[in-house]
Amino acid sequence: MNVSRVVWAIAVAGVIFFLDQLTKHLVLREDVFNALACLDRTQPCGKIEISSVMDFSMVWNRGFSFGMAQSEGWARWALVAVQFGVSALFLGWLLQAKHRVTALSLAMVIGGALGNVIDRIRFGAVVDFFDFSGPWFGIEFTLPGFMAGLESIFTPEHLLDGRLGLGFPYVFNIADAGITVGAILLLIDQFLLKRHDVDAR
């Protein structure tokens, strides 16, 4: 175990966790988002419109990253257990990591997972607010015929009178970004390591 690499990686996880919780705290205290009240599904959540590319939209995510697999009740605690379990496994992997990129990617996933699991324990849902749903630059288009019936994969806010705005269809937070970037880096790292090992033979 490389102690300096582990300490550095844990610091990265800590920074992601801190920034995630700080930004969520700022969203929760901002009256315009109506965040705590809209935990009740009958109450509307607020939004700050910034541009055609990005807005801040308060959304309570009861599922995985980017709002997928919504779940409540016992499933909430199942997700908590899964996220803690994955974090523990990744921490064990991190302690044995031989490459800086491996440690970095694992740290990003751990920091993000812990950031979201704290929300789920406190509120039963995760605070999401980065909204890049568009329509970017005013571009909109009708879903092609072969995609008919698939509108349900997009939240209603991203369907504009039957048209889809060009943009990213999920609202997310810093933890989600950390998990996603970390997972992508981990896949790239493992692929490159595997290829290097094959070439070495």
N, C-alpha and C. Protein backbone atom coordinates (compact mmCIF):
# COMPACT_ATOMS: atom_id res chain seq x y z
N MET A 1 0.84 -1.20 0.00
CA MET A 1 0.00 0.00 0.00
C MET A 1 0.87 1.25 0.00
N ASN A 2 0.62 2.13 -0.95
CA ASN A 2 1.33 3.39 -1.03
C ASN A 2 0.58 4.42 -0.18
N VAL A 3 1.12 4.73 0.98
CA VAL A 3 0.42 5.59 1.94
C VAL A 3 0.13 6.97 1.37
N SER A 4 1.11 7.58 0.72
CA SER A 4 0.91 8.93 0.17
C SER A 4 -0.18 8.93 -0.89
N ARG A 5 -0.23 7.87 -1.71
CA ARG A 5 -1.27 7.79 -2.74
C ARG A 5 -2.64 7.63 -2.11
N VAL A 6 -2.72 6.83 -1.06
CA VAL A 6 -3.99 6.63 -0.38
C VAL A 6 -4.47 7.92 0.28
N VAL A 7 -3.57 8.62 0.95
CA VAL A 7 -3.93 9.88 1.59
C VAL A 7 -4.40 10.89 0.56
N TRP A 8 -3.68 10.97 -0.56
CA TRP A 8 -4.05 11.89 -1.64
C TRP A 8 -5.43 11.54 -2.19
N ALA A 9 -5.70 10.25 -2.40
CA ALA A 9 -6.98 9.82 -2.95
C ALA A 9 -8.12 10.10 -1.98
N ILE A 10 -7.90 9.84 -0.70
CA ILE A 10 -8.93 10.11 0.30
C ILE A 10 -9.22 11.61 0.37
N ALA A 11 -8.19 12.43 0.17
CA ALA A 11 -8.39 13.89 0.14
C ALA A 11 -9.28 14.28 -1.04
N VAL A 12 -9.07 13.64 -2.19
CA VAL A 12 -9.91 13.90 -3.37
C VAL A 12 -11.36 13.53 -3.07
N ALA A 13 -11.56 12.35 -2.47
CA ALA A 13 -12.92 11.93 -2.10
C ALA A 13 -13.54 12.93 -1.13
N GLY A 14 -12.74 13.42 -0.19
CA GLY A 14 -13.23 14.39 0.77
C GLY A 14 -13.63 15.71 0.14
N VAL A 15 -12.87 16.16 -0.84
CA VAL A 15 -13.19 17.41 -1.54
C VAL A 15 -14.50 17.27 -2.30
N ILE A 16 -14.68 16.15 -3.01
CA ILE A 16 -15.92 15.93 -3.74
C ILE A 16 -17.10 15.88 -2.79
N PHE A 17 -16.94 15.17 -1.68
CA PHE A 17 -18.01 15.07 -0.68
C PHE A 17 -18.34 16.45 -0.12
N PHE A 18 -17.31 17.22 0.22
CA PHE A 18 -17.53 18.55 0.81
C PHE A 18 -18.23 19.49 -0.17
N LEU A 19 -17.75 19.55 -1.41
CA LEU A 19 -18.36 20.44 -2.40
C LEU A 19 -19.80 20.03 -2.69
N ASP A 20 -20.03 18.72 -2.74
CA ASP A 20 -21.39 18.23 -2.98
C ASP A 20 -22.33 18.66 -1.86
N GLN A 21 -21.92 18.45 -0.62
CA GLN A 21 -22.78 18.81 0.50
C GLN A 21 -22.93 20.32 0.65
N LEU A 22 -21.88 21.07 0.35
CA LEU A 22 -21.97 22.53 0.43
C LEU A 22 -22.97 23.07 -0.58
N THR A 23 -22.88 22.62 -1.82
CA THR A 23 -23.80 23.12 -2.85
C THR A 23 -25.24 22.71 -2.54
N LYS A 24 -25.43 21.52 -2.02
CA LYS A 24 -26.78 21.08 -1.66
C LYS A 24 -27.32 21.91 -0.50
N HIS A 25 -26.46 22.24 0.45
CA HIS A 25 -26.88 23.09 1.57
C HIS A 25 -27.35 24.45 1.06
N LEU A 26 -26.62 25.01 0.10
CA LEU A 26 -27.01 26.30 -0.45
C LEU A 26 -28.34 26.23 -1.18
N VAL A 27 -28.57 25.12 -1.88
CA VAL A 27 -29.85 24.94 -2.57
C VAL A 27 -30.98 24.80 -1.57
N LEU A 28 -30.77 24.03 -0.52
CA LEU A 28 -31.83 23.79 0.47
C LEU A 28 -32.22 25.05 1.23
N ARG A 29 -31.29 25.97 1.40
CA ARG A 29 -31.60 27.18 2.16
C ARG A 29 -32.15 28.30 1.27
N GLU A 30 -32.12 28.11 -0.04
CA GLU A 30 -32.60 29.14 -0.97
C GLU A 30 -34.12 29.01 -1.13
N ASP A 31 -34.85 30.04 -0.73
CA ASP A 31 -36.31 29.98 -0.71
C ASP A 31 -36.92 29.69 -2.07
N VAL A 32 -36.32 30.20 -3.13
CA VAL A 32 -36.91 30.06 -4.45
C VAL A 32 -37.06 28.60 -4.86
N PHE A 33 -36.22 27.71 -4.32
CA PHE A 33 -36.29 26.30 -4.70
C PHE A 33 -37.40 25.54 -3.96
N ASN A 34 -37.87 26.10 -2.84
CA ASN A 34 -38.95 25.45 -2.08
C ASN A 34 -38.60 23.99 -1.78
N ALA A 35 -37.33 23.74 -1.48
CA ALA A 35 -36.79 22.38 -1.46
C ALA A 35 -37.43 21.47 -0.42
N LEU A 36 -37.43 21.88 0.84
CA LEU A 36 -37.95 21.00 1.88
C LEU A 36 -39.46 20.79 1.75
N ALA A 37 -40.16 21.83 1.34
CA ALA A 37 -41.61 21.71 1.16
C ALA A 37 -41.95 20.75 0.02
N CYS A 38 -41.14 20.78 -1.04
CA CYS A 38 -41.48 19.96 -2.21
C CYS A 38 -41.02 18.52 -2.07
N LEU A 39 -40.50 18.14 -0.88
CA LEU A 39 -40.35 16.72 -0.59
C LEU A 39 -41.71 16.04 -0.67
N ASP A 40 -42.74 16.81 -0.33
CA ASP A 40 -44.12 16.38 -0.55
C ASP A 40 -44.40 16.55 -2.04
N ARG A 41 -44.74 15.47 -2.70
CA ARG A 41 -44.91 15.50 -4.16
C ARG A 41 -46.01 16.46 -4.61
N THR A 42 -46.89 16.84 -3.69
CA THR A 42 -47.97 17.75 -4.08
C THR A 42 -47.50 19.20 -4.17
N GLN A 43 -46.30 19.48 -3.66
CA GLN A 43 -45.77 20.83 -3.67
C GLN A 43 -44.74 20.99 -4.79
N PRO A 44 -44.78 22.11 -5.51
CA PRO A 44 -43.84 22.31 -6.61
C PRO A 44 -42.45 22.70 -6.12
N CYS A 45 -41.44 22.21 -6.81
CA CYS A 45 -40.06 22.63 -6.54
C CYS A 45 -39.74 23.83 -7.42
N GLY A 46 -38.80 24.65 -6.98
CA GLY A 46 -38.47 25.87 -7.70
C GLY A 46 -37.35 25.71 -8.71
N LYS A 47 -37.14 26.77 -9.46
CA LYS A 47 -36.15 26.75 -10.53
C LYS A 47 -35.60 28.16 -10.74
N ILE A 48 -34.31 28.24 -11.02
CA ILE A 48 -33.69 29.51 -11.40
C ILE A 48 -33.22 29.38 -12.84
N GLU A 49 -33.84 30.14 -13.73
CA GLU A 49 -33.48 30.08 -15.14
C GLU A 49 -32.28 30.97 -15.40
N ILE A 50 -31.26 30.39 -16.01
CA ILE A 50 -30.02 31.12 -16.27
C ILE A 50 -29.82 31.35 -17.76
N SER A 51 -29.91 30.28 -18.55
CA SER A 51 -29.70 30.40 -19.99
C SER A 51 -30.37 29.23 -20.69
N SER A 52 -30.28 29.20 -22.02
CA SER A 52 -30.85 28.09 -22.78
C SER A 52 -30.03 26.82 -22.61
N VAL A 53 -28.83 26.95 -22.04
CA VAL A 53 -27.96 25.79 -21.86
C VAL A 53 -28.09 25.21 -20.46
N MET A 54 -28.14 26.07 -19.46
CA MET A 54 -28.12 25.59 -18.08
C MET A 54 -29.08 26.38 -17.19
N ASP A 55 -29.76 25.64 -16.30
CA ASP A 55 -30.59 26.23 -15.26
C ASP A 55 -30.29 25.51 -13.95
N PHE A 56 -30.76 26.07 -12.85
CA PHE A 56 -30.75 25.38 -11.57
C PHE A 56 -32.19 24.96 -11.27
N SER A 57 -32.46 23.67 -11.30
CA SER A 57 -33.81 23.14 -11.08
C SER A 57 -33.79 22.17 -9.91
N MET A 58 -34.53 22.50 -8.86
CA MET A 58 -34.58 21.63 -7.69
C MET A 58 -35.39 20.38 -8.00
N VAL A 59 -34.76 19.22 -7.81
CA VAL A 59 -35.44 17.94 -8.04
C VAL A 59 -35.04 16.98 -6.91
N TRP A 60 -36.01 16.31 -6.33
CA TRP A 60 -35.72 15.26 -5.35
C TRP A 60 -35.63 13.93 -6.08
N ASN A 61 -34.45 13.35 -6.08
CA ASN A 61 -34.20 12.09 -6.76
C ASN A 61 -34.30 10.94 -5.76
N ARG A 62 -35.26 10.07 -5.96
CA ARG A 62 -35.46 8.93 -5.07
C ARG A 62 -34.86 7.64 -5.63
N GLY A 63 -34.04 7.78 -6.68
CA GLY A 63 -33.44 6.61 -7.30
C GLY A 63 -31.92 6.70 -7.32
N PHE A 64 -31.33 6.13 -8.37
CA PHE A 64 -29.89 6.16 -8.54
C PHE A 64 -29.47 7.51 -9.12
N SER A 65 -28.21 7.60 -9.55
CA SER A 65 -27.71 8.83 -10.16
C SER A 65 -28.55 9.20 -11.37
N PHE A 66 -28.75 10.50 -11.57
CA PHE A 66 -29.50 11.05 -12.69
C PHE A 66 -30.98 10.64 -12.66
N GLY A 67 -31.47 10.25 -11.49
CA GLY A 67 -32.90 9.99 -11.36
C GLY A 67 -33.38 8.65 -11.86
N MET A 68 -32.49 7.72 -12.14
CA MET A 68 -32.91 6.43 -12.66
C MET A 68 -33.33 5.49 -11.53
N ALA A 69 -34.29 4.60 -11.84
CA ALA A 69 -34.77 3.57 -10.90
C ALA A 69 -35.30 4.20 -9.62
N GLN A 70 -36.35 5.01 -9.74
CA GLN A 70 -36.94 5.67 -8.59
C GLN A 70 -37.47 4.64 -7.59
N SER A 71 -37.23 4.87 -6.30
CA SER A 71 -37.65 3.90 -5.29
C SER A 71 -37.87 4.60 -3.95
N GLU A 72 -38.82 4.06 -3.17
CA GLU A 72 -39.12 4.60 -1.85
C GLU A 72 -39.32 3.45 -0.87
N GLY A 73 -39.66 3.78 0.39
CA GLY A 73 -39.91 2.75 1.38
C GLY A 73 -38.67 1.93 1.66
N TRP A 74 -38.84 0.60 1.69
CA TRP A 74 -37.72 -0.29 2.00
C TRP A 74 -36.62 -0.18 0.96
N ALA A 75 -37.00 0.15 -0.30
CA ALA A 75 -36.01 0.25 -1.37
C ALA A 75 -35.03 1.39 -1.10
N ARG A 76 -35.50 2.41 -0.39
CA ARG A 76 -34.61 3.51 -0.01
C ARG A 76 -33.44 2.98 0.80
N TRP A 77 -33.72 2.12 1.77
CA TRP A 77 -32.66 1.59 2.63
C TRP A 77 -31.84 0.55 1.90
N ALA A 78 -32.44 -0.12 0.92
CA ALA A 78 -31.67 -1.05 0.09
C ALA A 78 -30.62 -0.28 -0.70
N LEU A 79 -31.02 0.90 -1.23
CA LEU A 79 -30.07 1.73 -1.97
C LEU A 79 -28.96 2.23 -1.05
N VAL A 80 -29.33 2.60 0.18
CA VAL A 80 -28.32 3.04 1.16
C VAL A 80 -27.31 1.93 1.40
N ALA A 81 -27.81 0.71 1.60
CA ALA A 81 -26.93 -0.43 1.85
C ALA A 81 -26.03 -0.70 0.65
N VAL A 82 -26.60 -0.63 -0.55
CA VAL A 82 -25.82 -0.86 -1.77
C VAL A 82 -24.72 0.17 -1.91
N GLN A 83 -25.07 1.45 -1.68
CA GLN A 83 -24.08 2.51 -1.83
C GLN A 83 -22.97 2.40 -0.79
N PHE A 84 -23.32 2.06 0.45
CA PHE A 84 -22.29 1.84 1.47
C PHE A 84 -21.42 0.64 1.11
N GLY A 85 -22.06 -0.42 0.61
CA GLY A 85 -21.32 -1.62 0.23
C GLY A 85 -20.35 -1.37 -0.90
N VAL A 86 -20.81 -0.66 -1.93
CA VAL A 86 -19.94 -0.33 -3.05
C VAL A 86 -18.79 0.56 -2.59
N SER A 87 -19.09 1.52 -1.73
CA SER A 87 -18.05 2.42 -1.22
C SER A 87 -17.00 1.63 -0.44
N ALA A 88 -17.44 0.66 0.36
CA ALA A 88 -16.50 -0.15 1.15
C ALA A 88 -15.62 -1.00 0.23
N LEU A 89 -16.23 -1.61 -0.79
CA LEU A 89 -15.46 -2.42 -1.74
C LEU A 89 -14.44 -1.57 -2.49
N PHE A 90 -14.89 -0.38 -2.92
CA PHE A 90 -13.98 0.51 -3.65
C PHE A 90 -12.87 1.04 -2.75
N LEU A 91 -13.18 1.25 -1.47
CA LEU A 91 -12.15 1.69 -0.54
C LEU A 91 -11.09 0.60 -0.38
N GLY A 92 -11.53 -0.66 -0.27
CA GLY A 92 -10.58 -1.76 -0.20
C GLY A 92 -9.71 -1.84 -1.44
N TRP A 93 -10.33 -1.62 -2.60
CA TRP A 93 -9.60 -1.60 -3.87
C TRP A 93 -8.60 -0.45 -3.89
N LEU A 94 -9.07 0.72 -3.42
CA LEU A 94 -8.22 1.91 -3.41
C LEU A 94 -6.96 1.68 -2.56
N LEU A 95 -7.13 1.02 -1.43
CA LEU A 95 -5.98 0.78 -0.53
C LEU A 95 -4.91 -0.08 -1.20
N GLN A 96 -5.32 -0.87 -2.19
CA GLN A 96 -4.37 -1.74 -2.89
C GLN A 96 -3.99 -1.21 -4.27
N ALA A 97 -4.53 -0.05 -4.65
CA ALA A 97 -4.31 0.48 -6.00
C ALA A 97 -2.82 0.73 -6.25
N LYS A 98 -2.37 0.32 -7.44
CA LYS A 98 -0.96 0.49 -7.80
C LYS A 98 -0.73 1.66 -8.74
N HIS A 99 -1.82 2.25 -9.21
CA HIS A 99 -1.70 3.35 -10.16
C HIS A 99 -2.47 4.56 -9.66
N ARG A 100 -1.94 5.74 -9.92
CA ARG A 100 -2.57 6.98 -9.45
C ARG A 100 -3.95 7.18 -10.08
N VAL A 101 -4.09 6.84 -11.37
CA VAL A 101 -5.39 7.02 -12.03
C VAL A 101 -6.44 6.10 -11.41
N THR A 102 -6.04 4.88 -11.08
CA THR A 102 -6.96 3.95 -10.42
C THR A 102 -7.43 4.54 -9.09
N ALA A 103 -6.49 5.03 -8.30
CA ALA A 103 -6.83 5.61 -7.00
C ALA A 103 -7.73 6.83 -7.16
N LEU A 104 -7.42 7.68 -8.15
CA LEU A 104 -8.22 8.88 -8.40
C LEU A 104 -9.65 8.53 -8.76
N SER A 105 -9.82 7.59 -9.70
CA SER A 105 -11.16 7.23 -10.15
C SER A 105 -11.98 6.60 -9.02
N LEU A 106 -11.36 5.75 -8.24
CA LEU A 106 -12.05 5.14 -7.10
C LEU A 106 -12.44 6.18 -6.07
N ALA A 107 -11.55 7.14 -5.82
CA ALA A 107 -11.83 8.20 -4.85
C ALA A 107 -13.01 9.05 -5.30
N MET A 108 -13.11 9.34 -6.59
CA MET A 108 -14.22 10.14 -7.10
C MET A 108 -15.54 9.42 -6.92
N VAL A 109 -15.55 8.12 -7.19
CA VAL A 109 -16.78 7.35 -7.02
C VAL A 109 -17.17 7.28 -5.54
N ILE A 110 -16.19 7.05 -4.67
CA ILE A 110 -16.46 6.97 -3.23
C ILE A 110 -17.01 8.29 -2.70
N GLY A 111 -16.35 9.40 -3.04
CA GLY A 111 -16.80 10.70 -2.57
C GLY A 111 -18.21 11.02 -3.03
N GLY A 112 -18.51 10.71 -4.30
CA GLY A 112 -19.85 10.95 -4.83
C GLY A 112 -20.90 10.06 -4.19
N ALA A 113 -20.57 8.78 -4.03
CA ALA A 113 -21.53 7.84 -3.44
C ALA A 113 -21.88 8.24 -2.01
N LEU A 114 -20.88 8.63 -1.23
CA LEU A 114 -21.15 9.04 0.15
C LEU A 114 -21.94 10.34 0.21
N GLY A 115 -21.68 11.24 -0.74
CA GLY A 115 -22.45 12.48 -0.78
C GLY A 115 -23.93 12.23 -1.00
N ASN A 116 -24.24 11.30 -1.90
CA ASN A 116 -25.65 10.98 -2.17
C ASN A 116 -26.29 10.16 -1.06
N VAL A 117 -25.53 9.26 -0.46
CA VAL A 117 -26.12 8.40 0.56
C VAL A 117 -26.48 9.20 1.81
N ILE A 118 -25.73 10.26 2.11
CA ILE A 118 -26.08 11.12 3.24
C ILE A 118 -27.44 11.76 3.01
N ASP A 119 -27.68 12.23 1.79
CA ASP A 119 -28.99 12.81 1.46
C ASP A 119 -30.10 11.78 1.65
N ARG A 120 -29.85 10.58 1.17
CA ARG A 120 -30.88 9.55 1.22
C ARG A 120 -31.23 9.19 2.67
N ILE A 121 -30.23 9.19 3.54
CA ILE A 121 -30.48 8.91 4.96
C ILE A 121 -31.25 10.06 5.60
N ARG A 122 -30.86 11.30 5.28
CA ARG A 122 -31.49 12.47 5.90
C ARG A 122 -32.91 12.71 5.40
N PHE A 123 -33.09 12.61 4.07
CA PHE A 123 -34.35 13.05 3.47
C PHE A 123 -35.14 11.95 2.77
N GLY A 124 -34.51 10.81 2.53
CA GLY A 124 -35.19 9.77 1.76
C GLY A 124 -35.05 9.99 0.27
N ALA A 125 -34.32 11.02 -0.11
CA ALA A 125 -34.11 11.35 -1.52
C ALA A 125 -32.86 12.21 -1.64
N VAL A 126 -32.38 12.35 -2.85
CA VAL A 126 -31.14 13.09 -3.11
C VAL A 126 -31.45 14.43 -3.77
N VAL A 127 -30.74 15.46 -3.35
CA VAL A 127 -30.90 16.80 -3.92
C VAL A 127 -30.17 16.88 -5.26
N ASP A 128 -30.91 17.10 -6.34
CA ASP A 128 -30.34 17.34 -7.67
C ASP A 128 -30.73 18.74 -8.12
N PHE A 129 -29.84 19.40 -8.85
CA PHE A 129 -30.16 20.78 -9.24
C PHE A 129 -29.49 21.25 -10.52
N PHE A 130 -28.41 20.63 -10.98
CA PHE A 130 -27.80 21.05 -12.25
C PHE A 130 -28.68 20.57 -13.40
N ASP A 131 -29.18 21.50 -14.18
CA ASP A 131 -30.13 21.17 -15.25
C ASP A 131 -29.59 21.68 -16.59
N PHE A 132 -29.15 20.75 -17.42
CA PHE A 132 -28.67 21.09 -18.76
C PHE A 132 -29.63 20.56 -19.82
N SER A 133 -30.92 20.54 -19.48
CA SER A 133 -31.90 19.91 -20.36
C SER A 133 -32.22 20.71 -21.61
N GLY A 134 -31.87 21.98 -21.61
CA GLY A 134 -32.12 22.77 -22.82
C GLY A 134 -33.54 23.31 -22.87
N PRO A 135 -34.04 23.62 -24.07
CA PRO A 135 -33.36 23.32 -25.34
C PRO A 135 -32.12 24.19 -25.55
N TRP A 136 -30.97 23.57 -25.77
CA TRP A 136 -29.75 24.32 -26.00
C TRP A 136 -29.88 25.17 -27.25
N PHE A 137 -29.56 26.44 -27.11
CA PHE A 137 -29.54 27.36 -28.24
C PHE A 137 -30.89 27.40 -28.96
N GLY A 138 -31.97 27.06 -28.23
CA GLY A 138 -33.30 27.11 -28.83
C GLY A 138 -33.59 25.98 -29.79
N ILE A 139 -32.74 24.95 -29.84
CA ILE A 139 -32.92 23.85 -30.78
C ILE A 139 -33.91 22.83 -30.21
N GLU A 140 -34.94 22.53 -30.96
CA GLU A 140 -35.91 21.52 -30.57
C GLU A 140 -36.17 20.60 -31.76
N PHE A 141 -36.58 19.37 -31.50
CA PHE A 141 -36.89 18.46 -32.60
C PHE A 141 -37.94 17.45 -32.15
N THR A 142 -38.66 16.91 -33.12
CA THR A 142 -39.67 15.90 -32.84
C THR A 142 -39.01 14.54 -32.77
N LEU A 143 -39.44 13.73 -31.81
CA LEU A 143 -38.89 12.39 -31.69
C LEU A 143 -39.17 11.60 -32.97
N PRO A 144 -38.17 10.92 -33.54
CA PRO A 144 -38.39 10.13 -34.76
C PRO A 144 -39.35 8.98 -34.51
N GLY A 145 -39.97 8.50 -35.58
CA GLY A 145 -41.00 7.47 -35.47
C GLY A 145 -40.56 6.22 -34.75
N PHE A 146 -39.32 5.78 -34.98
CA PHE A 146 -38.87 4.53 -34.36
C PHE A 146 -38.71 4.65 -32.84
N MET A 147 -38.75 5.91 -32.33
CA MET A 147 -38.64 6.12 -30.89
C MET A 147 -40.01 6.33 -30.25
N ALA A 148 -41.06 6.16 -31.03
CA ALA A 148 -42.41 6.35 -30.50
C ALA A 148 -42.63 5.44 -29.30
N GLY A 149 -43.18 5.99 -28.25
CA GLY A 149 -43.43 5.21 -27.05
C GLY A 149 -42.30 5.25 -26.05
N LEU A 150 -41.17 5.87 -26.42
CA LEU A 150 -40.03 5.93 -25.51
C LEU A 150 -39.97 7.25 -24.75
N GLU A 151 -41.02 8.06 -24.90
CA GLU A 151 -40.99 9.38 -24.26
C GLU A 151 -40.86 9.27 -22.74
N SER A 152 -41.28 8.13 -22.18
CA SER A 152 -41.28 7.99 -20.73
C SER A 152 -39.89 7.99 -20.13
N ILE A 153 -38.85 7.81 -20.96
CA ILE A 153 -37.49 7.83 -20.40
C ILE A 153 -37.05 9.25 -20.11
N PHE A 154 -37.81 10.22 -20.61
CA PHE A 154 -37.50 11.61 -20.34
C PHE A 154 -38.53 12.17 -19.38
N THR A 155 -38.10 13.04 -18.46
CA THR A 155 -39.05 13.65 -17.55
C THR A 155 -39.91 14.65 -18.31
N PRO A 156 -41.14 14.91 -17.85
CA PRO A 156 -42.04 15.79 -18.59
C PRO A 156 -41.46 17.16 -18.90
N GLU A 157 -40.57 17.67 -18.01
CA GLU A 157 -40.02 19.00 -18.24
C GLU A 157 -39.23 19.08 -19.55
N HIS A 158 -38.77 17.94 -20.04
CA HIS A 158 -37.92 17.96 -21.21
C HIS A 158 -38.69 17.68 -22.49
N LEU A 159 -40.01 17.50 -22.37
CA LEU A 159 -40.85 17.34 -23.54
C LEU A 159 -41.64 18.63 -23.74
N LEU A 160 -41.45 19.25 -24.86
CA LEU A 160 -42.06 20.54 -25.12
C LEU A 160 -43.11 20.39 -26.21
N ASP A 161 -44.39 20.26 -25.82
CA ASP A 161 -45.47 20.08 -26.79
C ASP A 161 -45.17 18.96 -27.76
N GLY A 162 -44.70 17.83 -27.24
CA GLY A 162 -44.41 16.69 -28.10
C GLY A 162 -43.06 16.74 -28.75
N ARG A 163 -42.30 17.79 -28.49
CA ARG A 163 -40.96 17.92 -29.07
C ARG A 163 -39.92 17.78 -27.97
N LEU A 164 -38.76 17.34 -28.35
CA LEU A 164 -37.67 17.15 -27.40
C LEU A 164 -36.63 18.24 -27.58
N GLY A 165 -36.28 18.93 -26.49
CA GLY A 165 -35.24 19.94 -26.58
C GLY A 165 -33.87 19.30 -26.62
N LEU A 166 -32.98 19.84 -27.44
CA LEU A 166 -31.62 19.32 -27.52
C LEU A 166 -30.91 19.67 -26.22
N GLY A 167 -30.52 18.68 -25.46
CA GLY A 167 -29.86 18.91 -24.19
C GLY A 167 -29.67 17.61 -23.44
N PHE A 168 -29.13 17.70 -22.23
CA PHE A 168 -28.92 16.52 -21.39
C PHE A 168 -30.18 16.30 -20.58
N PRO A 169 -30.85 15.14 -20.70
CA PRO A 169 -32.20 15.00 -20.14
C PRO A 169 -32.29 14.71 -18.65
N TYR A 170 -31.19 14.80 -17.90
CA TYR A 170 -31.24 14.48 -16.48
C TYR A 170 -30.73 15.65 -15.64
N VAL A 171 -31.35 15.83 -14.48
CA VAL A 171 -30.88 16.81 -13.50
C VAL A 171 -29.96 16.06 -12.54
N PHE A 172 -28.83 16.69 -12.17
CA PHE A 172 -27.84 15.96 -11.37
C PHE A 172 -27.16 16.89 -10.37
N ASN A 173 -26.18 16.36 -9.65
CA ASN A 173 -25.45 17.14 -8.65
C ASN A 173 -23.96 16.83 -8.76
N ILE A 174 -23.16 17.42 -7.89
CA ILE A 174 -21.71 17.21 -7.94
C ILE A 174 -21.36 15.75 -7.65
N ALA A 175 -22.09 15.11 -6.74
CA ALA A 175 -21.83 13.70 -6.44
C ALA A 175 -22.02 12.84 -7.68
N ASP A 176 -23.12 13.08 -8.42
CA ASP A 176 -23.36 12.33 -9.65
C ASP A 176 -22.23 12.52 -10.65
N ALA A 177 -21.77 13.77 -10.77
CA ALA A 177 -20.68 14.06 -11.69
C ALA A 177 -19.41 13.31 -11.27
N GLY A 178 -19.13 13.30 -9.96
CA GLY A 178 -17.95 12.58 -9.47
C GLY A 178 -18.04 11.10 -9.75
N ILE A 179 -19.22 10.51 -9.51
CA ILE A 179 -19.41 9.08 -9.76
C ILE A 179 -19.22 8.77 -11.24
N THR A 180 -19.82 9.58 -12.10
CA THR A 180 -19.76 9.33 -13.54
C THR A 180 -18.36 9.47 -14.09
N VAL A 181 -17.69 10.58 -13.77
CA VAL A 181 -16.32 10.79 -14.25
C VAL A 181 -15.40 9.72 -13.69
N GLY A 182 -15.57 9.40 -12.40
CA GLY A 182 -14.74 8.36 -11.79
C GLY A 182 -14.93 7.01 -12.45
N ALA A 183 -16.18 6.65 -12.75
CA ALA A 183 -16.46 5.36 -13.40
C ALA A 183 -15.86 5.31 -14.80
N ILE A 184 -15.96 6.42 -15.54
CA ILE A 184 -15.39 6.46 -16.89
C ILE A 184 -13.87 6.33 -16.82
N LEU A 185 -13.25 7.08 -15.91
CA LEU A 185 -11.79 6.98 -15.74
C LEU A 185 -11.37 5.57 -15.35
N LEU A 186 -12.18 4.94 -14.49
CA LEU A 186 -11.85 3.58 -14.04
C LEU A 186 -11.90 2.59 -15.21
N LEU A 187 -12.92 2.72 -16.05
CA LEU A 187 -13.03 1.84 -17.22
C LEU A 187 -11.85 2.05 -18.16
N ILE A 188 -11.51 3.31 -18.42
CA ILE A 188 -10.38 3.61 -19.30
C ILE A 188 -9.09 3.06 -18.70
N ASP A 189 -8.93 3.29 -17.40
CA ASP A 189 -7.72 2.83 -16.72
C ASP A 189 -7.58 1.31 -16.79
N GLN A 190 -8.67 0.61 -16.51
CA GLN A 190 -8.61 -0.85 -16.52
C GLN A 190 -8.38 -1.39 -17.93
N PHE A 191 -8.98 -0.74 -18.92
CA PHE A 191 -8.77 -1.17 -20.31
C PHE A 191 -7.32 -0.98 -20.71
N LEU A 192 -6.76 0.18 -20.38
CA LEU A 192 -5.37 0.46 -20.75
C LEU A 192 -4.41 -0.47 -20.01
N LEU A 193 -4.71 -0.74 -18.72
CA LEU A 193 -3.87 -1.65 -17.96
C LEU A 193 -3.91 -3.05 -18.56
N LYS A 194 -5.11 -3.48 -18.94
CA LYS A 194 -5.26 -4.82 -19.51
C LYS A 194 -4.50 -4.92 -20.82
N ARG A 195 -4.62 -3.88 -21.66
CA ARG A 195 -3.93 -3.88 -22.95
C ARG A 195 -2.42 -3.87 -22.74
N HIS A 196 -1.96 -3.11 -21.74
CA HIS A 196 -0.53 -3.05 -21.44
C HIS A 196 0.00 -4.41 -21.01
N ASP A 197 -0.80 -5.11 -20.17
CA ASP A 197 -0.39 -6.44 -19.71
C ASP A 197 -0.31 -7.43 -20.87
N VAL A 198 -1.27 -7.33 -21.80
CA VAL A 198 -1.27 -8.22 -22.96
C VAL A 198 -0.06 -7.95 -23.84
N ASP A 199 0.23 -6.65 -24.07
CA ASP A 199 1.38 -6.28 -24.89
C ASP A 199 2.69 -6.73 -24.26
N ALA A 200 2.74 -6.69 -22.91
CA ALA A 200 3.97 -7.06 -22.20
C ALA A 200 4.29 -8.54 -22.37
N ARG A 201 3.25 -9.34 -22.61
CA ARG A 201 3.47 -10.77 -22.79
C ARG A 201 4.04 -11.07 -24.18
